[in-house]
């Protein structure tokens, strides 16, 4: 008997019991909450030949960019590859193989084709959306979802997730009004949708609507934070609003509490913690033991050479903590990565290595060298992934390096540029005032 999901897709090797567990896992994944791995394991326990359960488990281990997840994903791939499957499912299995081989762009294109063929394949849309994020393909963050939208209607399972993904893609391509509307609608439909919540936070961040952003995040955080493995990133967004306003005590309280207080060793949580501490350090905030504690958790992860974006955030922690040996080990791992033929070798060569070298130079007080390394990267930084809000750290570091290198004309120009783009930003105004004071001195 053929088993189909709630959207009509055929699922090879599934039965009614395993289907219920699988769809529960999908719902949790769409909201970035709960324990989708436990749910998908339950599906596989009920139906070991359930192809898409193996695929989903592989995606869950690959899309977190955790080096330890590779072994589990390989086992899932091996199991799925020898099972009978539909052409759509074969496509998903191929994607897993391409991600395991480090071919992120090819995986994204295959997922694009799967979504074109079957626009209601929510897993293809969500996995593709994440691959677009990790590869910095802003236009595809929007267009992958826009192509599928006509096949979706309110009331369908996962409709909120489609809206939330479209909202983020619209934000990353600068259509802030449409992004905000889609994101808010998604949260109305499913208040626990952490991705949609974060899409609206991005809009408010990019438009420098800090007080609205604080209200958006602080109203009902139990919905998006409770039982969420995406909550640290959303708390990080709240911290950015306070940081822009110069409310450092609030930022430190958030860092010591929901952002870092649990001592998470999840890579994506460590990335947020590093990014926030570095912004505080650029402002001259005394951080005490915080860098040391964070660097300790990065230590075992930073030599994997798995993803350049993560490498940069690891070296922020090592430089902040004064761990020169760990920083050198990371740079050596990058050199090994550069000798490979994966997409990450390109991410590293084009962006990851020069940024890591720039951060190390900054930490050593070689500010002119940091400026020299960062300036060419700014225009192509999206190639190693992340969002506009995350990559803003590079601009802030470049501005501070220019100030400290005594390159006052460059610092002034960069501050004026920032103010032109973000005229309502209190931080932009403070930086521009600092530039004017230094030039007048």
Protein backbone atom coordinates (compact mmCIF):
# COMPACT_ATOMS: atom_id res chain seq x y z
CA UNK A 1 0.00 0.00 0.00
CA UNK A 2 1.30 3.47 -0.91
CA UNK A 3 1.82 5.84 2.03
CA UNK A 4 1.43 9.55 1.41
CA UNK A 5 2.02 12.51 3.68
CA UNK A 6 -0.49 15.29 4.40
CA UNK A 7 0.61 17.15 1.27
CA UNK A 8 0.24 14.15 -1.02
CA UNK A 9 3.90 13.15 -1.39
CA UNK A 10 4.65 9.44 -1.66
CA UNK A 11 6.89 8.11 1.14
CA UNK A 12 8.64 4.85 0.40
CA UNK A 13 8.97 2.36 3.24
CA UNK A 14 6.61 4.21 5.59
CA UNK A 15 3.47 3.05 7.36
CA UNK A 16 0.87 4.93 9.38
CA UNK A 17 2.85 4.69 12.64
CA UNK A 18 6.20 5.81 11.22
CA UNK A 19 4.47 8.52 9.17
CA UNK A 20 3.04 10.08 12.34
CA UNK A 21 6.52 10.24 13.92
CA UNK A 22 8.05 11.60 10.71
CA UNK A 23 5.49 14.37 10.35
CA UNK A 24 5.99 15.27 14.00
CA UNK A 25 9.72 15.59 13.30
CA UNK A 26 9.01 17.81 10.31
CA UNK A 27 6.74 20.08 12.36
CA UNK A 28 9.40 20.46 15.01
CA UNK A 29 12.09 21.16 12.42
CA UNK A 30 9.92 23.80 10.77
CA UNK A 31 9.67 25.67 14.09
CA UNK A 32 13.24 24.84 15.21
CA UNK A 33 11.92 23.43 18.43
CA UNK A 34 11.56 20.21 20.36
CA UNK A 35 13.60 17.14 19.49
CA UNK A 36 13.08 16.25 15.83
CA UNK A 37 15.91 13.73 16.04
CA UNK A 38 14.02 11.72 18.65
CA UNK A 39 10.90 11.82 16.49
CA UNK A 40 12.71 10.71 13.35
CA UNK A 41 14.44 7.94 15.28
CA UNK A 42 11.00 6.76 16.37
CA UNK A 43 9.92 6.75 12.71
CA UNK A 44 12.92 4.63 11.78
CA UNK A 45 12.34 2.25 14.68
CA UNK A 46 8.83 1.66 13.35
CA UNK A 47 9.91 1.47 9.68
CA UNK A 48 13.66 0.90 9.11
CA UNK A 49 13.16 1.09 5.33
CA UNK A 50 11.58 4.57 5.50
CA UNK A 51 13.73 6.43 2.98
CA UNK A 52 12.80 10.00 3.83
CA UNK A 53 13.23 9.38 7.55
CA UNK A 54 16.85 8.47 6.85
CA UNK A 55 17.14 11.60 4.69
CA UNK A 56 15.61 13.87 7.32
CA UNK A 57 17.93 12.48 9.98
CA UNK A 58 20.89 13.18 7.68
CA UNK A 59 19.73 16.75 7.04
CA UNK A 60 19.35 17.37 10.77
CA UNK A 61 22.97 16.36 11.30
CA UNK A 62 24.33 18.22 8.27
CA UNK A 63 22.48 21.54 8.44
CA UNK A 64 23.74 22.32 11.93
CA UNK A 65 27.31 22.41 10.52
CA UNK A 66 28.44 20.26 13.45
CA UNK A 67 31.57 18.27 12.55
CA UNK A 68 30.39 15.38 14.72
CA UNK A 69 27.21 15.10 12.66
CA UNK A 70 29.04 13.90 9.57
CA UNK A 71 29.43 10.30 10.75
CA UNK A 72 25.73 9.95 11.52
CA UNK A 73 24.79 11.54 8.19
CA UNK A 74 27.06 9.11 6.35
CA UNK A 75 25.32 6.17 8.00
CA UNK A 76 21.92 7.61 7.03
CA UNK A 77 23.10 8.08 3.46
CA UNK A 78 24.36 4.52 3.25
CA UNK A 79 21.03 3.20 4.52
CA UNK A 80 18.89 5.35 2.25
CA UNK A 81 20.98 4.73 -0.87
CA UNK A 82 20.25 1.01 -0.90
CA UNK A 83 16.48 1.31 -0.42
CA UNK A 84 13.79 1.43 -3.14
CA UNK A 85 12.71 5.04 -3.63
CA UNK A 86 10.76 7.39 -5.86
CA UNK A 87 12.63 9.78 -8.20
CA UNK A 88 11.95 12.64 -5.76
CA UNK A 89 13.39 10.61 -2.89
CA UNK A 90 16.40 9.57 -4.99
CA UNK A 91 17.02 13.29 -5.50
CA UNK A 92 17.06 13.87 -1.74
CA UNK A 93 19.46 10.98 -1.24
CA UNK A 94 21.74 12.52 -3.87
CA UNK A 95 21.62 15.85 -2.02
CA UNK A 96 22.79 14.17 1.18
CA UNK A 97 25.68 12.60 -0.71
CA UNK A 98 26.66 15.96 -2.20
CA UNK A 99 26.58 17.69 1.17
CA UNK A 100 28.73 14.93 2.63
CA UNK A 101 31.20 15.45 -0.21
CA UNK A 102 31.28 19.19 0.58
CA UNK A 103 29.52 20.20 -2.64
CA UNK A 104 27.09 22.71 -1.13
CA UNK A 105 26.29 24.57 -4.34
CA UNK A 106 25.51 21.40 -6.27
CA UNK A 107 23.33 20.21 -3.39
CA UNK A 108 21.46 23.51 -3.48
CA UNK A 109 20.87 23.21 -7.20
CA UNK A 110 19.57 19.66 -6.84
CA UNK A 111 17.18 20.81 -4.14
CA UNK A 112 16.13 23.64 -6.44
CA UNK A 113 15.23 21.08 -9.11
CA UNK A 114 13.31 18.98 -6.57
CA UNK A 115 11.26 22.01 -5.53
CA UNK A 116 10.55 22.92 -9.15
CA UNK A 117 9.32 19.40 -9.77
CA UNK A 118 7.33 19.21 -6.54
CA UNK A 119 6.77 22.66 -4.95
CA UNK A 120 4.94 21.14 -1.98
CA UNK A 121 7.98 19.15 -0.90
CA UNK A 122 8.46 21.16 2.28
CA UNK A 123 11.66 19.36 3.22
CA UNK A 124 13.26 20.22 -0.12
CA UNK A 125 12.26 23.85 0.41
CA UNK A 126 13.57 24.02 3.96
CA UNK A 127 16.81 22.16 3.29
CA UNK A 128 17.37 24.30 0.20
CA UNK A 129 16.68 27.47 2.16
CA UNK A 130 19.29 26.48 4.72
CA UNK A 131 21.83 25.64 2.03
CA UNK A 132 21.20 29.05 0.47
CA UNK A 133 21.88 30.64 3.86
CA UNK A 134 25.12 28.75 4.39
CA UNK A 135 26.34 29.62 0.91
CA UNK A 136 25.27 33.28 1.06
CA UNK A 137 22.88 33.08 -1.90
CA UNK A 138 20.55 35.91 -0.91
CA UNK A 139 18.54 35.91 -4.12
CA UNK A 140 17.84 32.18 -3.87
CA UNK A 141 16.73 32.59 -0.25
CA UNK A 142 13.87 34.57 -1.75
CA UNK A 143 13.34 33.02 -5.16
CA UNK A 144 13.44 29.35 -4.16
CA UNK A 145 10.42 29.99 -1.95
CA UNK A 146 8.70 32.48 -4.28
CA UNK A 147 8.58 29.86 -7.03
CA UNK A 148 6.77 27.43 -4.76
CA UNK A 149 4.32 29.86 -3.14
CA UNK A 150 1.55 29.52 -5.75
CA UNK A 151 1.28 25.82 -4.83
CA UNK A 152 0.57 26.70 -1.19
CA UNK A 153 -2.55 28.04 0.47
CA UNK A 154 -3.52 29.11 3.99
CA UNK A 155 -4.63 26.14 6.01
CA UNK A 156 -2.11 23.74 4.53
CA UNK A 157 0.29 22.06 6.94
CA UNK A 158 3.60 24.00 7.08
CA UNK A 159 2.18 27.07 5.32
CA UNK A 160 3.57 29.21 8.15
CA UNK A 161 7.05 27.81 7.49
CA UNK A 162 6.86 28.70 3.80
CA UNK A 163 5.83 32.25 4.70
CA UNK A 164 8.61 32.51 7.29
CA UNK A 165 11.26 31.38 4.82
CA UNK A 166 9.95 33.76 2.18
CA UNK A 167 10.04 36.56 4.76
CA UNK A 168 13.72 35.96 5.44
CA UNK A 169 14.54 35.83 1.74
CA UNK A 170 12.67 39.08 1.15
CA UNK A 171 14.56 40.71 4.01
CA UNK A 172 17.96 39.59 2.74
CA UNK A 173 17.13 41.08 -0.68
CA UNK A 174 15.96 44.39 0.79
CA UNK A 175 12.18 44.13 0.41
CA UNK A 176 11.57 45.01 4.04
CA UNK A 177 7.87 45.85 3.92
CA UNK A 178 6.91 42.57 2.25
CA UNK A 179 9.31 40.66 4.50
CA UNK A 180 7.79 42.10 7.66
CA UNK A 181 4.25 41.39 6.51
CA UNK A 182 5.05 37.77 5.62
CA UNK A 183 6.99 37.18 8.81
CA UNK A 184 4.33 38.62 11.08
CA UNK A 185 1.66 36.58 9.30
CA UNK A 186 3.71 33.42 9.77
CA UNK A 187 4.04 34.08 13.49
CA UNK A 188 0.30 34.72 13.75
CA UNK A 189 -0.29 31.31 12.19
CA UNK A 190 2.35 29.58 14.34
CA UNK A 191 3.72 31.60 17.29
CA UNK A 192 6.38 28.94 17.90
CA UNK A 193 7.95 29.47 14.46
CA UNK A 194 11.41 30.69 15.50
CA UNK A 195 12.56 31.25 11.92
CA UNK A 196 9.67 33.58 11.12
CA UNK A 197 10.21 35.39 14.42
CA UNK A 198 13.83 35.93 13.45
CA UNK A 199 12.91 37.11 9.93
CA UNK A 200 10.95 40.01 11.42
CA UNK A 201 13.80 40.73 13.83
CA UNK A 202 16.12 41.03 10.82
CA UNK A 203 13.81 43.57 9.20
CA UNK A 204 13.70 45.68 12.35
CA UNK A 205 17.49 45.41 12.69
CA UNK A 206 18.16 46.49 9.11
CA UNK A 207 15.74 49.41 9.42
CA UNK A 208 17.23 50.48 12.77
CA UNK A 209 13.88 50.20 14.54
CA UNK A 210 15.49 49.20 17.82
CA UNK A 211 12.65 49.94 20.22
CA UNK A 212 10.20 48.09 18.00
CA UNK A 213 12.67 45.24 17.79
CA UNK A 214 12.95 45.01 21.56
CA UNK A 215 9.17 45.01 21.88
CA UNK A 216 8.87 42.34 19.16
CA UNK A 217 11.31 40.03 20.91
CA UNK A 218 10.28 40.69 24.50
CA UNK A 219 6.56 40.22 23.89
CA UNK A 220 5.83 36.55 24.43
CA UNK A 221 9.32 35.01 24.27
CA UNK A 222 7.91 31.82 25.76
CA UNK A 223 6.45 31.09 22.32
CA UNK A 224 9.70 31.34 20.32
CA UNK A 225 12.21 30.49 23.05
CA UNK A 226 10.67 27.65 25.01
CA UNK A 227 11.96 24.25 23.91
CA UNK A 228 13.69 25.89 20.92
CA UNK A 229 17.10 24.97 19.58
CA UNK A 230 17.07 28.29 17.72
CA UNK A 231 16.45 30.44 20.76
CA UNK A 232 20.07 31.54 21.28
CA UNK A 233 20.11 33.20 17.87
CA UNK A 234 16.87 35.01 18.58
CA UNK A 235 18.15 36.18 21.97
CA UNK A 236 21.23 37.38 20.08
CA UNK A 237 18.98 39.52 17.89
CA UNK A 238 17.47 41.09 20.98
CA UNK A 239 20.96 41.81 22.27
CA UNK A 240 21.83 43.59 19.00
CA UNK A 241 18.93 46.00 19.49
CA UNK A 242 20.17 46.88 22.96
CA UNK A 243 23.75 47.15 21.69
CA UNK A 244 22.76 49.69 19.05
CA UNK A 245 21.16 51.79 21.77
CA UNK A 246 24.28 51.60 23.93
CA UNK A 247 22.48 49.61 26.62
CA UNK A 248 25.51 47.53 27.53
CA UNK A 249 24.20 46.23 30.85
CA UNK A 250 21.22 44.73 29.02
CA UNK A 251 23.54 43.13 26.46
CA UNK A 252 25.75 41.59 29.13
CA UNK A 253 22.72 40.29 31.00
CA UNK A 254 21.47 38.60 27.84
CA UNK A 255 24.91 37.16 27.14
CA UNK A 256 25.33 35.80 30.64
CA UNK A 257 21.76 34.53 30.62
CA UNK A 258 19.96 32.99 27.64
CA UNK A 259 22.73 33.44 25.06
CA UNK A 260 25.64 31.83 26.88
CA UNK A 261 24.50 30.96 30.37
CA UNK A 262 23.72 27.33 29.58
CA UNK A 263 27.26 26.77 28.32
CA UNK A 264 26.09 25.31 25.02
CA UNK A 265 28.70 23.69 22.78
CA UNK A 266 26.46 23.72 19.71
CA UNK A 267 28.37 25.42 16.91
CA UNK A 268 25.59 27.81 15.94
CA UNK A 269 25.27 28.93 19.57
CA UNK A 270 29.03 29.44 19.83
CA UNK A 271 28.94 31.55 16.67
CA UNK A 272 26.39 33.91 18.23
CA UNK A 273 28.32 34.13 21.48
CA UNK A 274 31.58 34.97 19.68
CA UNK A 275 29.91 37.54 17.46
CA UNK A 276 28.35 39.34 20.40
CA UNK A 277 31.48 39.38 22.55
CA UNK A 278 33.55 40.71 19.65
CA UNK A 279 31.13 43.58 19.10
CA UNK A 280 31.37 44.40 22.80
CA UNK A 281 35.16 44.22 22.68
CA UNK A 282 35.25 46.63 19.75
CA UNK A 283 33.36 49.06 21.99
CA UNK A 284 35.93 48.67 24.75
CA UNK A 285 33.65 46.81 27.17
CA UNK A 286 35.43 44.88 29.92
CA UNK A 287 34.53 41.23 29.43
CA UNK A 288 36.36 39.48 32.26
CA UNK A 289 36.47 35.68 31.99
CA UNK A 290 33.86 35.44 29.26
CA UNK A 291 36.30 34.97 26.39
CA UNK A 292 38.18 32.21 28.19
CA UNK A 293 35.03 30.22 28.90
CA UNK A 294 33.88 30.55 25.30
CA UNK A 295 37.26 29.69 23.79
CA UNK A 296 37.36 26.52 25.86
CA UNK A 297 34.15 25.32 24.24
CA UNK A 298 35.44 26.18 20.77
CA UNK A 299 38.70 24.31 21.32
CA UNK A 300 37.72 20.84 20.13
CA UNK A 301 35.59 22.11 17.22
CA UNK A 302 37.86 24.66 15.61
CA UNK A 303 40.28 22.37 13.80
CA UNK A 304 37.66 20.46 11.84
CA UNK A 305 37.89 22.78 8.82
CA UNK A 306 34.24 22.06 8.14
CA UNK A 307 32.83 25.52 7.43
CA UNK A 308 34.72 28.81 6.99
CA UNK A 309 32.05 30.95 8.62
CA UNK A 310 32.40 28.92 11.82
CA UNK A 311 36.21 29.13 11.63
CA UNK A 312 36.09 32.92 11.70
CA UNK A 313 33.94 32.93 14.82
CA UNK A 314 36.22 30.42 16.51
CA UNK A 315 39.24 32.62 15.89
CA UNK A 316 37.36 35.59 17.37
CA UNK A 317 37.16 33.61 20.60
CA UNK A 318 40.80 32.52 20.47
CA UNK A 319 42.01 36.07 19.84
CA UNK A 320 39.70 37.44 22.51
CA UNK A 321 41.02 34.90 25.01
CA UNK A 322 44.64 35.36 23.96
CA UNK A 323 45.00 31.74 22.88
CA UNK A 324 47.63 32.09 20.18
CA UNK A 325 48.29 28.35 19.94
CA UNK A 326 44.64 27.56 19.29
CA UNK A 327 44.45 30.34 16.69
CA UNK A 328 47.50 28.93 14.88
CA UNK A 329 46.00 25.44 14.91
CA UNK A 330 42.86 26.82 13.29
CA UNK A 331 44.86 28.59 10.60
CA UNK A 332 46.72 25.36 9.91
CA UNK A 333 43.39 23.53 9.55
CA UNK A 334 42.35 26.18 7.04
CA UNK A 335 45.49 25.49 5.01
CA UNK A 336 44.61 21.81 4.90
CA UNK A 337 41.10 22.68 3.78
CA UNK A 338 42.48 24.84 0.96
CA UNK A 339 44.17 21.79 -0.51
CA UNK A 340 40.80 20.08 -1.03
CA UNK A 341 38.21 20.46 -3.79
CA UNK A 342 35.14 21.17 -1.67
CA UNK A 343 33.04 24.32 -1.76
CA UNK A 344 34.36 25.16 1.68
CA UNK A 345 37.86 25.36 0.20
CA UNK A 346 36.51 28.19 -1.95
CA UNK A 347 34.65 29.81 0.97
CA UNK A 348 37.90 29.68 2.93
CA UNK A 349 40.13 30.97 0.14
CA UNK A 350 37.90 33.87 -0.83
CA UNK A 351 36.69 35.01 2.58
CA UNK A 352 37.42 32.75 5.53
CA UNK A 353 41.23 32.80 5.45
CA UNK A 354 41.73 36.55 4.89
CA UNK A 355 39.16 37.37 7.58
CA UNK A 356 40.76 34.95 10.05
CA UNK A 357 44.17 36.48 9.32
CA UNK A 358 42.71 39.95 9.75
CA UNK A 359 41.21 39.07 13.13
CA UNK A 360 44.55 37.64 14.25
CA UNK A 361 46.33 40.79 13.08
CA UNK A 362 43.81 42.95 14.90
CA UNK A 363 44.36 40.98 18.10
CA UNK A 364 48.12 41.42 17.75
CA UNK A 365 47.74 45.18 17.34
CA UNK A 366 48.64 45.15 13.64
CA UNK A 367 45.70 47.29 12.70
CA UNK A 368 46.96 48.46 9.30
CA UNK A 369 47.37 44.83 8.27
CA UNK A 370 43.83 44.08 9.45
CA UNK A 371 42.58 46.96 7.29
CA UNK A 372 44.54 45.69 4.29
CA UNK A 373 43.07 42.20 4.63
CA UNK A 374 39.47 43.21 5.32
CA UNK A 375 38.95 45.87 2.66
CA UNK A 376 38.94 43.53 -0.38
CA UNK A 377 36.66 41.03 1.36
CA UNK A 378 33.78 43.37 2.12
CA UNK A 379 32.24 43.19 -1.35
CA UNK A 380 32.30 39.38 -1.49
CA UNK A 381 31.76 38.42 2.16
CA UNK A 382 28.39 36.86 1.38
CA UNK A 383 30.26 34.03 -0.34
CA UNK A 384 31.02 32.38 2.99
CA UNK A 385 27.45 32.54 4.22
CA UNK A 386 25.59 34.23 7.02
CA UNK A 387 23.15 37.13 6.96
CA UNK A 388 23.65 40.86 6.48
CA UNK A 389 23.32 41.31 10.24
CA UNK A 390 25.97 38.69 10.97
CA UNK A 391 28.43 39.94 8.35
CA UNK A 392 28.12 43.49 9.74
CA UNK A 393 30.77 42.38 12.21
CA UNK A 394 33.34 42.66 9.39
CA UNK A 395 32.43 46.29 8.69
CA UNK A 396 32.55 47.15 12.38
CA UNK A 397 35.97 45.52 12.72
CA UNK A 398 37.27 47.35 9.65
CA UNK A 399 36.09 50.70 11.00
CA UNK A 400 37.73 50.09 14.37
CA UNK A 401 40.94 48.87 12.74
CA UNK A 402 41.07 52.03 10.60
CA UNK A 403 40.65 54.20 13.70
CA UNK A 404 43.39 52.35 15.57
CA UNK A 405 45.73 52.33 12.56
CA UNK A 406 45.52 56.12 12.44
CA UNK A 407 43.87 56.01 9.02
CA UNK A 408 41.49 58.80 9.89
CA UNK A 409 40.37 59.60 6.34
CA UNK A 410 39.42 55.97 5.72
CA UNK A 411 37.70 55.70 9.10
CA UNK A 412 35.73 58.86 8.38
CA UNK A 413 34.73 57.64 4.93
CA UNK A 414 33.57 54.29 6.30
CA UNK A 415 31.57 55.97 9.04
CA UNK A 416 29.90 58.30 6.54
CA UNK A 417 29.12 55.31 4.34
CA UNK A 418 27.55 53.49 7.28
CA UNK A 419 25.50 56.50 8.30
CA UNK A 420 24.20 56.90 4.75
CA UNK A 421 22.99 53.30 4.72
CA UNK A 422 21.73 53.32 8.32
CA UNK A 423 20.82 56.96 9.07
CA UNK A 424 18.61 56.03 12.02
CA UNK A 425 21.33 53.96 13.69
CA UNK A 426 22.55 55.35 17.02
CA UNK A 427 25.78 53.37 16.62
CA UNK A 428 26.38 54.87 13.18
CA UNK A 429 25.91 58.34 14.62
CA UNK A 430 28.31 57.64 17.49
CA UNK A 431 30.97 56.33 15.10
CA UNK A 432 30.57 59.36 12.81
CA UNK A 433 30.88 61.72 15.77
CA UNK A 434 34.03 59.92 16.89
CA UNK A 435 35.51 60.31 13.41
CA UNK A 436 34.74 64.04 13.40
CA UNK A 437 36.28 64.51 16.85
CA UNK A 438 39.46 62.69 15.89
CA UNK A 439 39.88 64.66 12.68
CA UNK A 440 39.35 67.91 14.57
CA UNK A 441 41.89 67.02 17.25
